[in-house]
C-alpha atoms as a PDB file:
ATOM      1  CA  MET A   1      -0.647 104.905 -18.744  1.00  0.00           C
ATOM      2  CA  THR A   2      -1.320 103.539 -14.921  1.00  0.00           C
ATOM      3  CA  ILE A   3      -1.007 106.069 -12.480  1.00  0.00           C
ATOM      4  CA  THR A   4       0.468 105.358  -8.903  1.00  0.00           C
ATOM      5  CA  ASN A   5       0.612 107.006  -5.489  1.00  0.00           C
ATOM      6  CA  TYR A   6      -2.624 108.351  -5.334  1.00  0.00           C
ATOM      7  CA  ILE A   7      -6.151 108.331  -3.789  1.00  0.00           C
ATOM      8  CA  LYS A   8      -9.468 109.003  -5.373  1.00  0.00           C
ATOM      9  CA  PHE A   9     -11.752 110.516  -2.960  1.00  0.00           C
ATOM     10  CA  ASP A  10     -15.633 109.966  -3.434  1.00  0.00           C
ATOM     11  CA  THR A  11     -16.400 113.559  -2.553  1.00  0.00           C
ATOM     12  CA  ASP A  12     -14.730 116.962  -2.185  1.00  0.00           C
ATOM     13  CA  GLU A  13     -16.233 116.907   1.624  1.00  0.00           C
ATOM     14  CA  PHE A  14     -13.041 115.783   2.659  1.00  0.00           C
ATOM     15  CA  THR A  15     -13.695 115.133   6.254  1.00  0.00           C
ATOM     16  CA  LYS A  16     -16.516 112.692   5.227  1.00  0.00           C
ATOM     17  CA  ALA A  17     -15.410 111.224   2.035  1.00  0.00           C
ATOM     18  CA  THR A  18     -13.763 107.711   1.572  1.00  0.00           C
ATOM     19  CA  GLY A  19     -11.346 107.001  -1.038  1.00  0.00           C
ATOM     20  CA  THR A  20      -9.362 104.065  -2.590  1.00  0.00           C
ATOM     21  CA  GLY A  21      -5.874 104.351  -3.859  1.00  0.00           C
ATOM     22  CA  LEU A  22      -2.445 102.830  -4.587  1.00  0.00           C
ATOM     23  CA  VAL A  23       1.179 103.038  -3.419  1.00  0.00           C
ATOM     24  CA  SER A  24       3.431 101.701  -5.159  1.00  0.00           C
ATOM     25  CA  THR A  25       7.450 101.014  -4.465  1.00  0.00           C
ATOM     26  CA  LEU A  26      10.223  99.169  -6.195  1.00  0.00           C
ATOM     27  CA  ASP A  27       9.385  96.085  -4.063  1.00  0.00           C
ATOM     28  CA  ARG A  28       5.645  96.169  -3.791  1.00  0.00           C
ATOM     29  CA  ASP A  29       2.231  97.518  -4.720  1.00  0.00           C
ATOM     30  CA  LEU A  30      -0.449  98.218  -2.257  1.00  0.00           C
ATOM     31  CA  ASP A  31      -3.936  98.928  -3.055  1.00  0.00           C
ATOM     32  CA  ILE A  32      -5.378 100.848   0.104  1.00  0.00           C
ATOM     33  CA  LYS A  33      -8.765 101.972   1.313  1.00  0.00           C
ATOM     34  CA  VAL A  34      -9.118 105.190   3.395  1.00  0.00           C
ATOM     35  CA  VAL A  35     -12.340 105.520   5.740  1.00  0.00           C
ATOM     36  CA  PRO A  36     -13.017 108.984   7.721  1.00  0.00           C
ATOM     37  CA  PHE A  37     -12.123 108.517  11.556  1.00  0.00           C
ATOM     38  CA  ILE A  38     -14.099 110.959  14.082  1.00  0.00           C
ATOM     39  CA  SER A  39     -12.502 111.498  17.321  1.00  0.00           C
ATOM     40  CA  ASP A  40     -12.308 114.308  19.842  1.00  0.00           C
ATOM     41  CA  ASN A  41      -8.516 114.237  20.144  1.00  0.00           C
ATOM     42  CA  PRO A  42      -7.113 117.212  18.493  1.00  0.00           C
ATOM     43  CA  LYS A  43      -3.927 114.676  17.106  1.00  0.00           C
ATOM     44  CA  ALA A  44      -6.159 112.021  15.929  1.00  0.00           C
ATOM     45  CA  PRO A  45      -5.921 111.235  12.323  1.00  0.00           C
ATOM     46  CA  THR A  46      -9.031 112.337  10.154  1.00  0.00           C
ATOM     47  CA  HIS A  47      -8.834 109.318   8.195  1.00  0.00           C
ATOM     48  CA  ARG A  48      -7.632 105.459   8.733  1.00  0.00           C
ATOM     49  CA  VAL A  49      -5.749 103.482   6.070  1.00  0.00           C
ATOM     50  CA  PHE A  50      -6.521 100.079   5.248  1.00  0.00           C
ATOM     51  CA  ALA A  51      -4.750  97.593   3.278  1.00  0.00           C
ATOM     52  CA  LYS A  52      -5.969  93.552   2.347  1.00  0.00           C
ATOM     53  CA  SER A  53      -3.739  90.926   4.289  1.00  0.00           C
ATOM     54  CA  PRO A  54      -2.773  87.801   2.334  1.00  0.00           C
ATOM     55  CA  ARG A  55      -6.123  86.284   3.379  1.00  0.00           C
ATOM     56  CA  GLY A  56      -7.970  89.401   2.397  1.00  0.00           C
ATOM     57  CA  LEU A  57      -8.618  90.616   5.705  1.00  0.00           C
ATOM     58  CA  ASP A  58      -8.890  94.728   6.034  1.00  0.00           C
ATOM     59  CA  ILE A  59      -5.606  95.618   8.044  1.00  0.00           C
ATOM     60  CA  GLU A  60      -5.132  99.274   9.435  1.00  0.00           C
ATOM     61  CA  VAL A  61      -1.703 100.236   8.049  1.00  0.00           C
ATOM     62  CA  GLY A  62      -1.797 104.301   8.590  1.00  0.00           C
ATOM     63  CA  GLY A  63      -3.680 107.135   8.833  1.00  0.00           C
ATOM     64  CA  ILE A  64      -4.154 110.461   7.367  1.00  0.00           C
ATOM     65  CA  TRP A  65      -3.500 113.962   9.517  1.00  0.00           C
ATOM     66  CA  LYS A  66      -4.968 117.321   8.920  1.00  0.00           C
ATOM     67  CA  LYS A  67      -2.185 120.011   9.628  1.00  0.00           C
ATOM     68  CA  LEU A  68      -1.716 123.681   9.262  1.00  0.00           C
ATOM     69  CA  SER A  69       1.126 125.517   7.476  1.00  0.00           C
ATOM     70  CA  ASN A  70       3.270 128.324   8.667  1.00  0.00           C
ATOM     71  CA  ASP A  71       0.564 130.334   6.359  1.00  0.00           C
ATOM     72  CA  LYS A  72      -2.552 128.800   8.655  1.00  0.00           C
ATOM     73  CA  LYS A  73      -3.730 126.943   5.181  1.00  0.00           C
ATOM     74  CA  PRO A  74      -4.677 123.170   6.003  1.00  0.00           C
ATOM     75  CA  TYR A  75      -2.863 120.470   4.177  1.00  0.00           C
ATOM     76  CA  TYR A  76      -3.137 116.781   4.621  1.00  0.00           C
ATOM     77  CA  THR A  77      -0.153 114.247   5.317  1.00  0.00           C
ATOM     78  CA  LEU A  78      -0.255 110.465   4.956  1.00  0.00           C
ATOM     79  CA  SER A  79       1.641 107.845   7.047  1.00  0.00           C
ATOM     80  CA  ILE A  80       1.596 104.250   6.356  1.00  0.00           C
ATOM     81  CA  LYS A  81       3.817 102.579   9.135  1.00  0.00           C
ATOM     82  CA  GLY A  82       4.763  99.226   7.200  1.00  0.00           C
ATOM     83  CA  LEU A  83       6.079 101.062   4.126  1.00  0.00           C
ATOM     84  CA  LYS A  84       7.940 103.640   6.543  1.00  0.00           C
ATOM     85  CA  LEU A  85       6.120 106.337   4.287  1.00  0.00           C
ATOM     86  CA  ASN A  86       5.219 110.046   4.966  1.00  0.00           C
ATOM     87  CA  ALA A  87       3.871 111.925   2.340  1.00  0.00           C
ATOM     88  CA  ASN A  88       1.837 115.031   1.766  1.00  0.00           C
ATOM     89  CA  LEU A  89      -1.310 114.767  -0.248  1.00  0.00           C
ATOM     90  CA  GLY A  90      -2.087 117.450  -3.331  1.00  0.00           C
ATOM     91  CA  ARG A  91      -3.491 117.532  -6.335  1.00  0.00           C
ATOM     92  CA  PHE A  92      -2.478 114.753  -9.100  1.00  0.00           C
ATOM     93  CA  PRO A  93      -0.662 116.666 -11.732  1.00  0.00           C
ATOM     94  CA  GLY A  94      -2.473 116.644 -15.317  1.00  0.00           C
ATOM     95  CA  GLN A  95      -5.545 115.305 -13.411  1.00  0.00           C
ATOM     96  CA  ASP A  96      -9.070 117.459 -14.210  1.00  0.00           C
ATOM     97  CA  ASP A  97     -10.780 115.517 -11.119  1.00  0.00           C
ATOM     98  CA  GLU A  98     -10.065 117.268  -8.155  1.00  0.00           C
ATOM     99  CA  LEU A  99     -10.999 114.055  -6.056  1.00  0.00           C
ATOM    100  CA  VAL A 100      -7.806 112.636  -7.202  1.00  0.00           C
ATOM    101  CA  GLN A 101      -4.750 113.453  -4.766  1.00  0.00           C
ATOM    102  CA  ALA A 102      -1.478 112.571  -5.447  1.00  0.00           C
ATOM    103  CA  ILE A 103       0.606 110.837  -2.619  1.00  0.00           C
ATOM    104  CA  ILE A 104       4.155 113.024  -2.445  1.00  0.00           C
ATOM    105  CA  PRO A 105       6.438 111.335  -0.540  1.00  0.00           C
ATOM    106  CA  TRP A 106       9.071 113.293   1.798  1.00  0.00           C
ATOM    107  CA  ASP A 107      11.657 112.056   4.231  1.00  0.00           C
ATOM    108  CA  PRO A 108      10.951 112.685   8.123  1.00  0.00           C
ATOM    109  CA  GLN A 109      12.756 115.507   9.720  1.00  0.00           C
ATOM    110  CA  ASP A 110      14.736 114.965  12.832  1.00  0.00           C
END
């Protein structure tokens, strides 16, 4: 079975981790690359998300942001603008590998 909608990071030290993954929709599959992004801006993403153009160039398509839940627990969200995708990252079901994060889509709130 092929898994979709995931990112596999290279280390559990998330702020320094790079990763690769796959986002699948009904009309396309998008291979993504995730790289850390360092900024003094507290609203900046923690990671930039890239995909390949038809000519094979890396194009920035989105980002990952660190957020705090109502319980003050950290969690991460992913946004890919070209797909109009907003999602949370979480443990991938049935996987023993904690470096594999599921991309769990959600609808934006008005």
